[in-house]
């Protein structure tokens, strides 16, 4: 029996094969068609559905003849990121420089970035592996560091850092023009005019890459104040941290200045009394309120800047030990017998007991802050232990006042020149003070100021404490501090070590550590103050926070 079936336009047909017989199924192509093998099928097992379209494709009823192979989801390749800065030899960022990147061994760049107004560039989603990075040199410049780097990009969100540094070439003097005057009866010698070449431009004064906001000048605006000879300067652009300064004097005014900024200013003093001032680049705290807390907010178009500290409590006059009052024994008085004529009995002479000599007790030290060390580095460094080659030494090229700052590579074999040279590679420079006694302290701290530029995440400035002089714990910071930073280490809560109050022997250390590549200006340290509070009620400290990117660290002193 032949059962013809014609394909509809979609071209689907359906034939129901009934048992028990077997069936032959074949395809006859239209005149313009071609039958793709097989053109004939034999079925001895009816109960199948048949699909045809110049190629027989079979499946059992309700079941596909083959399971479609799912398209595999591609596994994303691990990626990382790379960031860095392009700077001149004065460490000023250079905008509009092209930085290229390609995989090691490839000839085709895959990434191109252009530095922003601060010289910053970044590559995101870089496949993990070895990459080659290079800068496109611009006319009039020469490299200080290598103009190309090879670096391994690891997976994860943390970027590796690279940096390119260049300096401007001295300008080429224009050839001296020679002028020949018009002939006159008495010809004059031809005058020669020599052009004096200008000096090499200074990176700070002749090149300033940041785009300044005329209404705010936020990039260079700063809040400044001087307290007991210590100078503070904070950027107006806030970083989220409360700025901590030395306690204000209670007996005379303190003046806060805003410089390099022209725009709206609101000063708000919240403690020790509420006071609000609209406008003016100066704010004056009039003094008084000894022993109180002080907080000041400066609101500009750049944001809010908060300053917190205390107000000096005048040293109390110690109460002298009371001298015991000598009470003499009572003098015996004769009582006369009552008679018409009073005949007094002989009055015995009163013999007083010996008056004891008062032995004064030792006058105790009054409760309060006691200074353990106050060093502005204007004298020698004999109070400090210095380790490292080279090591810490004074410099006046970057400082807050007339006294020097310390730089970690300014002294000893291989010493460099601060502000002219970068710090060397593989430097481990220690500055250690101690031991000092905190056995009677109810509060203790180390306060200091620093200015930092180092290779981010590789070269670190550290402030540490120890109770054995060998194992040190504390915090560290790398990268750019954005100017001078006031900082503090609280000896009651040293990261990794805990509370050092009650310890007889304590050490404090400042350390700078660099790796084997890429250097910068380094760290400059100013005005170290170590002090402890003796008494049962230590004053409440202002909320001091470590600078951005500071992290706990522990280190072993290797001599």
Protein backbone atom coordinates (compact mmCIF):
# COMPACT_ATOMS: atom_id res chain seq x y z
CA UNK A 1 0.00 0.00 0.00
CA UNK A 2 1.35 3.34 -0.97
CA UNK A 3 0.49 6.38 1.13
CA UNK A 4 1.55 9.51 -0.68
CA UNK A 5 2.10 12.60 1.40
CA UNK A 6 2.79 16.06 0.14
CA UNK A 7 4.77 18.54 2.12
CA UNK A 8 2.92 21.73 3.02
CA UNK A 9 4.63 25.05 2.57
CA UNK A 10 6.45 24.80 5.91
CA UNK A 11 7.67 21.72 4.61
CA UNK A 12 6.28 19.37 7.28
CA UNK A 13 4.36 16.14 6.76
CA UNK A 14 2.98 13.48 9.10
CA UNK A 15 2.42 9.78 8.32
CA UNK A 16 1.05 7.42 10.91
CA UNK A 17 2.41 3.91 10.42
CA UNK A 18 0.25 1.21 11.94
CA UNK A 19 1.49 -2.24 12.96
CA UNK A 20 2.06 -5.04 12.15
CA UNK A 21 3.46 -4.44 8.72
CA UNK A 22 6.75 -2.86 7.88
CA UNK A 23 6.92 0.11 5.63
CA UNK A 24 9.17 1.69 3.05
CA UNK A 25 9.35 5.48 3.03
CA UNK A 26 11.05 7.38 0.28
CA UNK A 27 11.30 10.94 -0.89
CA UNK A 28 10.67 12.12 -4.42
CA UNK A 29 12.15 15.47 -5.13
CA UNK A 30 10.31 18.14 -7.04
CA UNK A 31 11.77 18.79 -10.49
CA UNK A 32 13.87 21.66 -9.19
CA UNK A 33 14.88 19.82 -6.01
CA UNK A 34 17.62 17.42 -5.05
CA UNK A 35 17.20 14.55 -2.61
CA UNK A 36 19.91 14.48 0.01
CA UNK A 37 20.69 10.90 1.07
CA UNK A 38 19.04 8.87 2.26
CA UNK A 39 16.14 9.05 -0.18
CA UNK A 40 14.67 5.74 1.02
CA UNK A 41 14.08 4.37 4.51
CA UNK A 42 12.72 0.95 5.61
CA UNK A 43 10.74 0.67 8.85
CA UNK A 44 9.95 -2.65 10.46
CA UNK A 45 8.94 -1.01 13.74
CA UNK A 46 5.94 1.25 13.11
CA UNK A 47 4.94 3.90 15.59
CA UNK A 48 7.44 6.51 14.51
CA UNK A 49 6.98 10.07 13.35
CA UNK A 50 8.93 11.14 10.34
CA UNK A 51 10.15 14.62 9.42
CA UNK A 52 11.35 15.23 5.86
CA UNK A 53 13.07 18.09 4.09
CA UNK A 54 15.33 16.56 1.43
CA UNK A 55 16.98 14.81 4.42
CA UNK A 56 15.15 12.26 6.58
CA UNK A 57 15.39 13.05 10.26
CA UNK A 58 13.70 10.54 12.56
CA UNK A 59 12.61 10.57 16.15
CA UNK A 60 10.43 8.40 18.34
CA UNK A 61 7.04 9.84 19.17
CA UNK A 62 7.46 12.65 21.69
CA UNK A 63 11.25 12.21 21.92
CA UNK A 64 13.83 14.12 19.95
CA UNK A 65 16.20 12.00 18.00
CA UNK A 66 19.21 13.86 19.37
CA UNK A 67 19.75 16.17 22.33
CA UNK A 68 21.00 19.55 21.14
CA UNK A 69 24.52 20.19 22.30
CA UNK A 70 24.34 23.28 24.48
CA UNK A 71 26.59 26.14 23.49
CA UNK A 72 29.31 26.21 26.14
CA UNK A 73 29.41 29.37 28.24
CA UNK A 74 32.88 30.80 27.83
CA UNK A 75 34.83 30.90 31.09
CA UNK A 76 35.86 34.52 31.68
CA UNK A 77 39.60 34.98 31.73
CA UNK A 78 41.01 36.37 34.99
CA UNK A 79 41.85 40.05 34.77
CA UNK A 80 43.66 42.65 36.84
CA UNK A 81 44.35 46.36 36.64
CA UNK A 82 47.33 48.68 36.29
CA UNK A 83 47.58 52.30 37.39
CA UNK A 84 50.31 54.88 37.73
CA UNK A 85 51.53 58.43 37.30
CA UNK A 86 53.51 60.34 34.73
CA UNK A 87 55.58 63.05 36.52
CA UNK A 88 58.45 65.41 35.90
CA UNK A 89 61.70 65.52 37.88
CA UNK A 90 60.00 67.78 40.46
CA UNK A 91 57.28 65.13 40.92
CA UNK A 92 54.61 67.30 39.31
CA UNK A 93 52.05 65.31 37.32
CA UNK A 94 52.15 65.67 33.52
CA UNK A 95 48.81 65.65 31.65
CA UNK A 96 48.06 64.49 28.07
CA UNK A 97 50.85 61.91 27.76
CA UNK A 98 50.07 58.61 26.03
CA UNK A 99 50.85 55.38 27.88
CA UNK A 100 50.64 52.13 25.88
CA UNK A 101 50.41 48.49 26.90
CA UNK A 102 50.65 45.18 25.06
CA UNK A 103 51.10 41.55 26.07
CA UNK A 104 54.71 40.41 26.32
CA UNK A 105 55.83 39.05 22.96
CA UNK A 106 53.07 40.82 21.01
CA UNK A 107 53.72 43.61 18.54
CA UNK A 108 50.27 45.16 18.70
CA UNK A 109 49.19 47.52 21.50
CA UNK A 110 45.97 46.47 23.18
CA UNK A 111 45.56 49.39 25.58
CA UNK A 112 46.22 53.11 25.26
CA UNK A 113 45.63 55.60 28.10
CA UNK A 114 46.09 59.37 28.30
CA UNK A 115 47.19 60.93 31.59
CA UNK A 116 44.76 63.27 33.32
CA UNK A 117 45.46 66.67 34.86
CA UNK A 118 47.45 65.11 37.72
CA UNK A 119 49.43 62.73 35.51
CA UNK A 120 47.32 59.73 36.54
CA UNK A 121 46.50 56.86 34.18
CA UNK A 122 44.81 53.46 34.60
CA UNK A 123 44.18 50.28 32.62
CA UNK A 124 41.19 48.14 33.73
CA UNK A 125 40.33 44.54 32.77
CA UNK A 126 43.88 43.67 31.77
CA UNK A 127 44.20 39.88 31.15
CA UNK A 128 46.45 38.25 33.72
CA UNK A 129 49.99 37.68 32.51
CA UNK A 130 53.17 39.48 31.50
CA UNK A 131 52.70 42.89 29.89
CA UNK A 132 54.93 45.55 28.35
CA UNK A 133 54.19 49.21 29.16
CA UNK A 134 55.76 52.25 27.52
CA UNK A 135 55.31 56.00 27.18
CA UNK A 136 55.20 58.01 23.96
CA UNK A 137 57.94 60.59 24.35
CA UNK A 138 57.07 64.20 23.62
CA UNK A 139 59.47 66.76 22.11
CA UNK A 140 61.65 68.66 24.58
CA UNK A 141 61.68 65.90 27.22
CA UNK A 142 63.99 63.09 28.23
CA UNK A 143 63.37 60.11 30.53
CA UNK A 144 64.62 60.02 34.13
CA UNK A 145 63.32 56.53 34.86
CA UNK A 146 63.01 53.90 32.15
CA UNK A 147 60.53 54.82 29.41
CA UNK A 148 59.29 51.21 29.26
CA UNK A 149 58.47 48.59 31.88
CA UNK A 150 57.66 44.87 31.87
CA UNK A 151 55.32 43.82 34.65
CA UNK A 152 53.28 40.77 35.62
CA UNK A 153 49.59 41.57 36.07
CA UNK A 154 48.01 39.46 38.85
CA UNK A 155 44.27 38.74 39.10
CA UNK A 156 42.05 40.72 41.43
CA UNK A 157 40.83 44.25 42.11
CA UNK A 158 44.13 45.55 43.52
CA UNK A 159 46.02 47.47 40.82
CA UNK A 160 49.75 47.16 40.34
CA UNK A 161 51.52 50.53 40.12
CA UNK A 162 54.02 51.80 37.58
CA UNK A 163 55.42 55.28 37.09
CA UNK A 164 57.21 57.23 34.39
CA UNK A 165 59.39 60.23 35.21
CA UNK A 166 60.83 62.74 32.71
CA UNK A 167 62.57 66.08 32.75
CA UNK A 168 62.54 68.94 30.30
CA UNK A 169 65.59 69.40 28.12
CA UNK A 170 67.42 72.73 28.36
CA UNK A 171 66.09 75.07 25.71
CA UNK A 172 68.22 75.38 22.58
CA UNK A 173 69.41 78.93 22.04
CA UNK A 174 68.27 80.55 18.80
CA UNK A 175 71.22 81.22 16.45
CA UNK A 176 72.57 84.71 16.96
CA UNK A 177 71.29 86.96 14.15
CA UNK A 178 73.80 89.27 12.49
CA UNK A 179 72.51 92.59 11.15
CA UNK A 180 74.33 94.42 8.33
CA UNK A 181 73.52 98.13 8.36
CA UNK A 182 72.90 100.19 5.21
CA UNK A 183 76.09 101.65 3.76
CA UNK A 184 76.89 105.11 4.99
CA UNK A 185 79.83 107.41 4.22
CA UNK A 186 81.43 106.10 7.38
CA UNK A 187 80.45 102.46 7.66
CA UNK A 188 79.95 101.23 11.17
CA UNK A 189 80.97 97.79 12.27
CA UNK A 190 78.22 95.23 11.99
CA UNK A 191 76.67 94.88 15.44
CA UNK A 192 76.15 91.38 16.74
CA UNK A 193 73.29 90.66 19.13
CA UNK A 194 73.71 87.59 21.30
CA UNK A 195 70.57 86.04 22.69
CA UNK A 196 71.02 84.84 26.27
CA UNK A 197 69.45 81.36 26.61
CA UNK A 198 66.91 81.09 29.37
CA UNK A 199 67.55 78.74 32.24
CA UNK A 200 65.89 75.35 32.48
CA UNK A 201 62.30 75.91 33.65
CA UNK A 202 61.62 74.87 37.21
CA UNK A 203 58.92 72.25 37.49
CA UNK A 204 57.04 74.07 40.23
CA UNK A 205 57.14 77.68 39.07
CA UNK A 206 56.96 77.31 35.29
CA UNK A 207 54.79 74.25 34.99
CA UNK A 208 51.55 73.76 36.87
CA UNK A 209 49.41 71.06 35.26
CA UNK A 210 46.33 71.24 37.44
CA UNK A 211 43.27 72.97 36.08
CA UNK A 212 42.25 75.44 38.76
CA UNK A 213 38.72 76.40 39.53
CA UNK A 214 38.71 80.24 39.43
CA UNK A 215 35.94 80.42 42.03
CA UNK A 216 37.48 78.04 44.52
CA UNK A 217 41.11 77.15 43.81
CA UNK A 218 40.44 73.94 45.73
CA UNK A 219 43.55 72.21 44.46
CA UNK A 220 45.88 74.66 46.21
CA UNK A 221 43.70 76.16 48.93
CA UNK A 222 44.84 75.33 52.48
CA UNK A 223 43.90 75.90 56.12
CA UNK A 224 46.92 77.01 58.18
CA UNK A 225 47.55 77.66 61.86
CA UNK A 226 50.60 78.02 64.10
CA UNK A 227 50.49 76.77 67.71
CA UNK A 228 53.44 77.19 70.07
CA UNK A 229 55.78 77.45 67.07
CA UNK A 230 54.37 74.35 65.31
CA UNK A 231 53.00 75.12 61.85
CA UNK A 232 50.11 73.15 60.34
CA UNK A 233 48.86 73.30 56.76
CA UNK A 234 45.89 71.17 55.63
CA UNK A 235 44.40 71.02 52.09
CA UNK A 236 40.88 72.39 51.73
CA UNK A 237 39.85 69.38 49.69
CA UNK A 238 38.66 67.03 52.46
CA UNK A 239 39.77 63.41 52.71
CA UNK A 240 37.21 62.37 55.33
CA UNK A 241 39.64 62.54 58.26
CA UNK A 242 39.39 64.83 61.26
CA UNK A 243 42.56 66.93 61.48
CA UNK A 244 44.33 66.81 64.84
CA UNK A 245 46.61 69.58 66.09
CA UNK A 246 48.44 70.43 69.30
CA UNK A 247 46.33 71.81 72.17
CA UNK A 248 45.49 75.50 71.78
CA UNK A 249 46.80 77.99 74.33
CA UNK A 250 44.14 79.13 76.76
CA UNK A 251 45.88 82.37 77.69
CA UNK A 252 46.06 84.07 74.27
CA UNK A 253 44.23 83.94 70.90
CA UNK A 254 44.88 81.46 68.07
CA UNK A 255 44.37 82.57 64.46
CA UNK A 256 43.32 80.12 61.71
CA UNK A 257 44.00 81.24 58.10
CA UNK A 258 42.65 80.07 54.74
CA UNK A 259 45.14 80.80 51.95
CA UNK A 260 45.12 80.41 48.14
CA UNK A 261 41.32 80.36 48.07
CA UNK A 262 38.77 82.93 47.00
CA UNK A 263 35.17 81.96 47.58
CA UNK A 264 32.48 81.51 50.24
CA UNK A 265 33.68 80.42 53.71
CA UNK A 266 31.66 79.51 56.81
CA UNK A 267 33.51 78.98 60.09
CA UNK A 268 31.65 77.04 62.80
CA UNK A 269 33.17 76.50 66.24
CA UNK A 270 31.19 73.84 68.13
CA UNK A 271 33.38 73.52 71.24
CA UNK A 272 34.04 74.91 73.81
CA UNK A 273 31.19 77.23 72.81
CA UNK A 274 29.09 77.50 69.67
CA UNK A 275 30.19 80.33 67.37
CA UNK A 276 29.45 80.81 63.67
CA UNK A 277 31.23 83.22 61.33
CA UNK A 278 30.18 83.86 57.73
CA UNK A 279 32.99 84.91 55.43
CA UNK A 280 36.51 86.05 56.09
CA UNK A 281 39.74 84.15 55.45
CA UNK A 282 40.72 84.37 59.15
CA UNK A 283 39.02 82.92 62.21
CA UNK A 284 40.21 83.78 65.71
CA UNK A 285 39.75 81.58 68.75
CA UNK A 286 39.93 84.13 71.54
CA UNK A 287 41.31 81.84 74.28
CA UNK A 288 40.06 80.86 77.71
CA UNK A 289 38.16 77.65 78.53
CA UNK A 290 41.25 75.95 79.97
CA UNK A 291 41.00 72.16 79.88
CA UNK A 292 38.04 72.10 77.45
CA UNK A 293 37.71 70.37 74.06
CA UNK A 294 37.95 72.39 70.84
CA UNK A 295 36.33 71.63 67.47
CA UNK A 296 36.17 73.79 64.36
CA UNK A 297 34.52 73.15 60.97
CA UNK A 298 35.55 75.11 57.88
CA UNK A 299 32.98 74.94 55.08
CA UNK A 300 34.09 76.08 51.59
CA UNK A 301 33.06 75.24 48.05
CA UNK A 302 35.71 72.52 48.28
CA UNK A 303 33.89 70.70 51.11
CA UNK A 304 34.02 70.48 54.89
CA UNK A 305 37.27 70.39 56.87
CA UNK A 306 37.13 69.43 60.58
CA UNK A 307 39.77 70.25 63.21
CA UNK A 308 39.70 68.86 66.75
CA UNK A 309 42.04 69.28 69.71
CA UNK A 310 42.12 70.35 73.34
CA UNK A 311 42.74 73.66 75.11
CA UNK A 312 45.77 73.81 77.35
CA UNK A 313 45.01 73.49 81.03
CA UNK A 314 47.45 75.68 82.99
CA UNK A 315 49.69 73.61 85.21
CA UNK A 316 48.03 73.49 88.64
CA UNK A 317 50.02 74.73 91.59
CA UNK A 318 50.80 71.73 93.78
CA UNK A 319 49.26 71.85 97.23
CA UNK A 320 52.12 71.99 99.74
CA UNK A 321 52.31 69.33 102.41
CA UNK A 322 50.74 70.77 105.56
CA UNK A 323 53.22 71.46 108.36
CA UNK A 324 52.01 69.75 111.54
CA UNK A 325 50.88 72.24 114.17
CA UNK A 326 52.73 71.73 117.47
CA UNK A 327 50.23 71.69 120.34
CA UNK A 328 52.08 72.35 123.65
CA UNK A 329 50.95 70.63 126.84
CA UNK A 330 48.64 72.69 129.00
CA UNK A 331 50.35 75.07 131.45
CA UNK A 332 49.42 74.24 135.05
CA UNK A 333 47.79 77.25 136.77
CA UNK A 334 47.75 77.52 140.56
CA UNK A 335 44.23 77.70 142.07
CA UNK A 336 44.22 80.00 145.15
CA UNK A 337 42.45 79.00 148.39
CA UNK A 338 39.40 81.13 149.04
CA UNK A 339 40.37 83.20 152.15
CA UNK A 340 39.70 86.81 153.01
CA UNK A 341 43.22 87.47 152.07
CA UNK A 342 44.06 85.74 148.97
CA UNK A 343 47.39 84.18 149.46
CA UNK A 344 48.25 82.60 146.18
CA UNK A 345 50.21 79.45 146.28
CA UNK A 346 53.41 79.40 144.44
CA UNK A 347 52.73 79.16 140.77
CA UNK A 348 54.86 76.46 139.31
CA UNK A 349 56.64 77.35 136.13
CA UNK A 350 55.01 75.56 133.25
CA UNK A 351 57.49 73.36 131.46
CA UNK A 352 56.20 72.81 127.94
CA UNK A 353 56.98 69.58 126.22
CA UNK A 354 59.57 69.74 123.50
CA UNK A 355 58.19 71.11 120.27
CA UNK A 356 58.74 68.47 117.58
CA UNK A 357 60.53 69.61 114.40
CA UNK A 358 58.28 69.11 111.41
CA UNK A 359 59.90 66.85 108.79
CA UNK A 360 58.47 67.87 105.41
CA UNK A 361 57.38 65.01 103.19
CA UNK A 362 58.54 64.86 99.54
CA UNK A 363 56.34 67.00 97.33
CA UNK A 364 54.70 64.68 94.80
CA UNK A 365 54.69 65.50 91.07
CA UNK A 366 51.35 67.01 90.15
CA UNK A 367 49.04 65.02 87.90
CA UNK A 368 49.16 66.01 84.25
CA UNK A 369 51.09 65.64 81.02
CA UNK A 370 54.83 65.04 81.28
CA UNK A 371 57.08 65.49 78.26
CA UNK A 372 59.41 62.59 77.58
CA UNK A 373 60.91 64.03 74.37
CA UNK A 374 60.30 67.18 72.33
CA UNK A 375 62.63 67.29 69.34
CA UNK A 376 62.43 69.74 66.43
CA UNK A 377 65.79 68.38 65.14
CA UNK A 378 67.52 71.74 65.47
CA UNK A 379 70.18 70.09 67.67
CA UNK A 380 72.13 66.86 67.33
CA UNK A 381 70.49 63.44 67.12
CA UNK A 382 72.36 61.87 70.02
CA UNK A 383 69.11 60.99 71.79
CA UNK A 384 68.16 58.71 68.89
CA UNK A 385 69.48 55.36 67.73
CA UNK A 386 69.92 55.31 63.94
CA UNK A 387 70.16 52.15 61.86
CA UNK A 388 70.56 51.64 58.11
CA UNK A 389 72.97 52.55 55.30
CA UNK A 390 72.32 55.34 54.51
CA UNK A 391 70.16 56.50 57.40
CA UNK A 392 68.19 59.45 58.80
CA UNK A 393 69.69 62.91 58.77
CA UNK A 394 68.57 66.57 58.86
CA UNK A 395 67.61 68.68 55.87
CA UNK A 396 66.14 72.15 55.43
CA UNK A 397 64.97 71.75 51.83
CA UNK A 398 61.46 70.78 52.93
CA UNK A 399 60.33 71.91 56.37
CA UNK A 400 57.56 73.67 58.23
CA UNK A 401 59.64 76.40 59.86
CA UNK A 402 63.27 77.38 60.42
CA UNK A 403 64.15 74.07 62.09
CA UNK A 404 65.22 71.06 59.98
CA UNK A 405 63.18 68.03 59.05
CA UNK A 406 64.63 64.51 58.98
CA UNK A 407 65.01 62.52 55.74
CA UNK A 408 65.78 58.76 55.78
CA UNK A 409 68.75 58.81 53.37
CA UNK A 410 70.54 62.04 54.36
CA UNK A 411 73.34 60.59 56.49
CA UNK A 412 75.97 57.85 56.41
CA UNK A 413 77.62 55.90 53.58
CA UNK A 414 75.78 56.32 50.29
CA UNK A 415 73.86 59.36 51.55
CA UNK A 416 71.80 61.28 48.98
CA UNK A 417 70.71 64.90 48.80
CA UNK A 418 67.10 65.49 49.84
CA UNK A 419 64.84 67.34 47.36
CA UNK A 420 67.49 66.85 44.65
CA UNK A 421 67.89 63.07 44.70
CA UNK A 422 65.24 60.42 45.20
CA UNK A 423 65.66 57.97 48.05
CA UNK A 424 67.69 54.88 47.05
CA UNK A 425 66.35 51.42 46.32
CA UNK A 426 66.55 48.68 48.98
CA UNK A 427 66.64 51.22 51.82
CA UNK A 428 65.76 50.22 55.38
CA UNK A 429 66.35 53.23 57.60
CA UNK A 430 65.47 53.26 61.35
CA UNK A 431 65.14 56.13 63.84
CA UNK A 432 64.61 54.76 67.39
CA UNK A 433 64.05 56.45 70.75
CA UNK A 434 64.02 54.56 74.04
CA UNK A 435 63.63 52.94 76.33
CA UNK A 436 61.29 55.21 78.27
CA UNK A 437 59.08 54.46 81.24
CA UNK A 438 55.28 54.24 81.01
CA UNK A 439 54.81 52.29 84.24
CA UNK A 440 52.94 55.22 85.86
CA UNK A 441 51.16 56.46 82.73
CA UNK A 442 47.41 56.51 82.33
CA UNK A 443 47.80 57.91 78.80
CA UNK A 444 50.76 58.26 76.44
CA UNK A 445 51.31 59.21 72.82
CA UNK A 446 53.86 60.05 70.16
CA UNK A 447 52.89 63.03 67.99
CA UNK A 448 54.75 64.03 64.83
CA UNK A 449 54.29 65.49 61.37
CA UNK A 450 55.36 64.09 58.04
CA UNK A 451 55.34 64.73 54.28
CA UNK A 452 55.38 61.64 52.04
CA UNK A 453 55.84 60.72 48.39
CA UNK A 454 56.77 57.07 47.77
CA UNK A 455 56.00 54.24 45.36
CA UNK A 456 52.45 53.22 46.24
CA UNK A 457 52.13 49.81 47.94
CA UNK A 458 55.88 49.13 47.70
CA UNK A 459 57.83 51.80 49.62
CA UNK A 460 56.53 52.54 53.13
CA UNK A 461 56.87 55.04 55.99
CA UNK A 462 56.16 53.36 59.34
CA UNK A 463 55.60 54.53 62.93
CA UNK A 464 56.09 51.75 65.47
CA UNK A 465 56.38 50.83 69.14
CA UNK A 466 58.03 47.95 71.01
CA UNK A 467 58.31 46.57 74.53
CA UNK A 468 61.56 44.66 73.89
CA UNK A 469 63.50 46.89 71.47
CA UNK A 470 63.47 44.18 68.78
CA UNK A 471 59.90 43.40 67.75
CA UNK A 472 58.08 46.55 66.61
CA UNK A 473 54.40 47.03 65.79
CA UNK A 474 52.38 49.94 64.44
CA UNK A 475 51.13 51.51 61.22
CA UNK A 476 52.53 52.30 57.77
CA UNK A 477 51.67 54.54 54.80
CA UNK A 478 52.79 54.61 51.15
CA UNK A 479 52.04 56.84 48.18
CA UNK A 480 51.23 60.53 48.50
CA UNK A 481 50.28 62.22 51.79
CA UNK A 482 49.11 65.33 49.89
CA UNK A 483 51.22 67.71 51.95
CA UNK A 484 52.15 67.77 55.62
CA UNK A 485 50.18 65.42 57.88
CA UNK A 486 49.82 65.65 61.66
CA UNK A 487 49.85 62.12 63.07
CA UNK A 488 49.89 60.29 66.40
CA UNK A 489 50.59 56.85 67.86
CA UNK A 490 48.53 56.04 70.97
CA UNK A 491 50.60 53.79 73.26
CA UNK A 492 47.42 52.50 74.89
CA UNK A 493 46.32 50.84 71.62
CA UNK A 494 49.31 49.91 69.45
CA UNK A 495 48.12 47.79 66.47
CA UNK A 496 49.33 44.22 66.93
CA UNK A 497 50.84 44.91 70.37
CA UNK A 498 48.08 46.41 72.48
CA UNK A 499 48.35 48.57 75.60
CA UNK A 500 51.87 49.64 76.67
CA UNK A 501 50.74 51.66 79.68
CA UNK A 502 52.28 50.19 82.82
CA UNK A 503 55.37 48.98 80.91
CA UNK A 504 58.74 49.94 82.35
CA UNK A 505 60.62 49.87 79.02
CA UNK A 506 59.05 51.13 75.78
CA UNK A 507 60.63 52.10 72.44
CA UNK A 508 59.32 54.31 69.63
CA UNK A 509 60.61 54.06 66.04
CA UNK A 510 60.20 55.71 62.65
CA UNK A 511 61.16 53.52 59.69
CA UNK A 512 61.37 54.03 55.92
CA UNK A 513 61.61 50.96 53.70
CA UNK A 514 61.95 50.74 49.87
CA UNK A 515 62.05 47.87 47.39
CA UNK A 516 64.43 47.31 44.43
CA UNK A 517 62.75 49.55 41.82
CA UNK A 518 61.02 52.91 41.33
CA UNK A 519 61.85 55.63 43.85
CA UNK A 520 60.50 59.08 44.72
CA UNK A 521 61.13 61.99 47.10
CA UNK A 522 60.50 59.92 50.25
CA UNK A 523 59.38 61.05 53.69
CA UNK A 524 60.23 64.18 55.69
CA UNK A 525 59.54 64.12 59.45
CA UNK A 526 59.12 67.17 61.68
CA UNK A 527 58.55 67.88 65.41
CA UNK A 528 58.40 64.64 67.40
CA UNK A 529 56.67 64.94 70.79
CA UNK A 530 56.59 61.98 73.22
CA UNK A 531 54.56 62.52 76.37
CA UNK A 532 52.66 60.66 79.07
CA UNK A 533 49.85 61.58 81.42
CA UNK A 534 50.30 60.76 85.09
CA UNK A 535 47.14 60.80 87.16
CA UNK A 536 43.94 58.92 87.74
CA UNK A 537 41.85 60.83 85.22
CA UNK A 538 43.56 61.19 81.83
CA UNK A 539 42.00 63.82 79.58
CA UNK A 540 39.80 62.68 76.74
CA UNK A 541 41.76 62.66 73.51
CA UNK A 542 40.39 64.00 70.27
CA UNK A 543 39.39 61.46 67.66
CA UNK A 544 42.74 60.91 65.96
CA UNK A 545 42.65 58.78 62.84
CA UNK A 546 45.53 57.40 60.76
CA UNK A 547 45.99 58.94 57.31
CA UNK A 548 44.34 57.40 54.27
CA UNK A 549 45.77 54.04 53.22
CA UNK A 550 47.59 53.52 56.54
CA UNK A 551 47.68 49.85 57.53
CA UNK A 552 48.95 47.81 60.51
CA UNK A 553 52.47 46.39 60.25
CA UNK A 554 54.97 44.47 62.37
CA UNK A 555 58.73 44.51 61.84
CA UNK A 556 61.88 42.99 63.31
CA UNK A 557 64.87 45.25 63.98
CA UNK A 558 67.88 43.66 62.28
CA UNK A 559 71.19 45.18 63.28
